[in-house]
């Protein structure tokens, strides 16, 4: 979720073959990195 810090990926999101599961996991990791980066920037601007 956008606010809860959880991102469903792979077979947790939908039934997928191996290639699609890897793509989904990669996308989820990138989304996580974006959230961390965004939060780090927000904290830096408020601190």
N, C-alpha and C. Protein backbone atom coordinates (compact mmCIF):
# COMPACT_ATOMS: atom_id res chain seq x y z
N UNK A 1 0.83 -1.19 0.00
CA UNK A 1 0.00 0.00 0.00
C UNK A 1 0.87 1.24 0.00
N UNK A 2 0.33 2.32 -0.46
CA UNK A 2 1.11 3.54 -0.54
C UNK A 2 1.47 4.08 0.84
N UNK A 3 0.59 3.90 1.82
CA UNK A 3 0.86 4.45 3.14
C UNK A 3 1.37 3.41 4.13
N UNK A 4 1.12 2.13 3.88
CA UNK A 4 1.49 1.10 4.84
C UNK A 4 2.87 0.53 4.65
N UNK A 5 3.53 0.85 3.56
CA UNK A 5 4.87 0.36 3.33
C UNK A 5 4.94 -1.08 2.86
N UNK A 6 3.83 -1.62 2.39
CA UNK A 6 3.82 -2.98 1.88
C UNK A 6 3.47 -2.96 0.40
N UNK A 7 4.22 -3.75 -0.37
CA UNK A 7 3.98 -3.83 -1.81
C UNK A 7 3.85 -5.30 -2.18
N UNK A 8 2.69 -5.68 -2.70
CA UNK A 8 2.51 -7.07 -3.14
C UNK A 8 3.28 -7.29 -4.42
N UNK A 9 3.91 -8.45 -4.51
CA UNK A 9 4.70 -8.76 -5.70
C UNK A 9 4.60 -10.23 -6.01
N UNK A 10 4.89 -10.57 -7.26
CA UNK A 10 4.93 -11.97 -7.66
C UNK A 10 3.59 -12.66 -7.46
N UNK A 11 3.64 -13.90 -7.00
CA UNK A 11 2.42 -14.69 -6.84
C UNK A 11 1.52 -14.15 -5.73
N UNK A 12 2.03 -13.29 -4.87
CA UNK A 12 1.19 -12.67 -3.85
C UNK A 12 0.23 -11.66 -4.47
N UNK A 13 0.60 -11.13 -5.62
CA UNK A 13 -0.24 -10.15 -6.29
C UNK A 13 -1.22 -10.81 -7.26
N UNK A 14 -0.79 -11.86 -7.94
CA UNK A 14 -1.62 -12.55 -8.93
C UNK A 14 -0.90 -13.83 -9.36
N UNK A 15 -1.64 -14.79 -9.91
CA UNK A 15 -0.96 -15.98 -10.43
C UNK A 15 -0.06 -15.61 -11.61
N UNK A 16 1.21 -15.95 -11.53
CA UNK A 16 2.17 -15.56 -12.56
C UNK A 16 3.12 -16.70 -12.88
N UNK A 17 3.68 -16.65 -14.10
CA UNK A 17 4.76 -17.58 -14.41
C UNK A 17 6.06 -17.00 -13.84
N UNK A 18 7.14 -17.74 -13.92
CA UNK A 18 8.39 -17.33 -13.28
C UNK A 18 8.89 -15.99 -13.82
N UNK A 19 8.88 -15.81 -15.12
CA UNK A 19 9.39 -14.56 -15.70
C UNK A 19 8.59 -13.36 -15.21
N UNK A 20 7.29 -13.49 -15.21
CA UNK A 20 6.45 -12.37 -14.75
C UNK A 20 6.61 -12.14 -13.25
N UNK A 21 6.81 -13.20 -12.49
CA UNK A 21 7.02 -13.05 -11.05
C UNK A 21 8.31 -12.28 -10.77
N UNK A 22 9.36 -12.57 -11.54
CA UNK A 22 10.62 -11.84 -11.38
C UNK A 22 10.44 -10.38 -11.76
N UNK A 23 9.72 -10.12 -12.84
CA UNK A 23 9.46 -8.74 -13.25
C UNK A 23 8.66 -8.01 -12.17
N UNK A 24 7.68 -8.68 -11.60
CA UNK A 24 6.86 -8.08 -10.56
C UNK A 24 7.70 -7.78 -9.32
N UNK A 25 8.57 -8.70 -8.95
CA UNK A 25 9.43 -8.49 -7.78
C UNK A 25 10.38 -7.32 -8.01
N UNK A 26 10.92 -7.22 -9.21
CA UNK A 26 11.82 -6.11 -9.54
C UNK A 26 11.08 -4.78 -9.46
N UNK A 27 9.88 -4.74 -9.99
CA UNK A 27 9.07 -3.52 -9.94
C UNK A 27 8.75 -3.15 -8.49
N UNK A 28 8.43 -4.14 -7.67
CA UNK A 28 8.13 -3.88 -6.26
C UNK A 28 9.36 -3.33 -5.54
N UNK A 29 10.52 -3.88 -5.83
CA UNK A 29 11.76 -3.39 -5.22
C UNK A 29 12.01 -1.94 -5.61
N UNK A 30 11.79 -1.62 -6.88
CA UNK A 30 11.98 -0.25 -7.34
C UNK A 30 10.99 0.70 -6.68
N UNK A 31 9.75 0.26 -6.51
CA UNK A 31 8.76 1.09 -5.81
C UNK A 31 9.20 1.33 -4.37
N UNK A 32 9.72 0.30 -3.73
CA UNK A 32 10.22 0.45 -2.36
C UNK A 32 11.36 1.45 -2.28
N UNK A 33 12.27 1.38 -3.22
CA UNK A 33 13.39 2.33 -3.26
C UNK A 33 12.87 3.75 -3.45
N UNK A 34 11.87 3.92 -4.31
CA UNK A 34 11.29 5.25 -4.54
C UNK A 34 10.66 5.79 -3.26
N UNK A 35 9.96 4.95 -2.52
CA UNK A 35 9.32 5.39 -1.27
C UNK A 35 10.38 5.81 -0.26
N UNK A 36 11.42 4.99 -0.12
CA UNK A 36 12.50 5.33 0.82
C UNK A 36 13.16 6.64 0.42
N UNK A 37 13.44 6.79 -0.86
CA UNK A 37 14.07 8.02 -1.35
C UNK A 37 13.19 9.23 -1.08
N UNK A 38 11.90 9.10 -1.38
CA UNK A 38 10.96 10.19 -1.16
C UNK A 38 10.89 10.56 0.32
N UNK A 39 10.83 9.56 1.20
CA UNK A 39 10.75 9.82 2.64
C UNK A 39 12.03 10.44 3.16
N UNK A 40 13.16 10.00 2.65
CA UNK A 40 14.45 10.55 3.07
C UNK A 40 14.54 12.02 2.69
N UNK A 41 14.10 12.34 1.47
CA UNK A 41 14.12 13.75 1.03
C UNK A 41 13.18 14.59 1.87
N UNK A 42 12.00 14.05 2.20
CA UNK A 42 11.03 14.80 3.00
C UNK A 42 11.57 15.06 4.40
N UNK A 43 12.22 14.06 5.00
CA UNK A 43 12.79 14.24 6.34
C UNK A 43 13.93 15.25 6.31
N UNK A 44 14.73 15.24 5.27
CA UNK A 44 15.84 16.17 5.16
C UNK A 44 15.35 17.61 5.04
N UNK A 45 14.24 17.81 4.34
CA UNK A 45 13.72 19.16 4.17
C UNK A 45 13.02 19.68 5.42
N UNK A 46 12.61 18.78 6.31
CA UNK A 46 11.95 19.19 7.55
C UNK A 46 12.90 19.21 8.74
N UNK A 47 14.11 18.78 8.55
CA UNK A 47 15.01 18.65 9.70
C UNK A 47 16.11 19.60 9.65
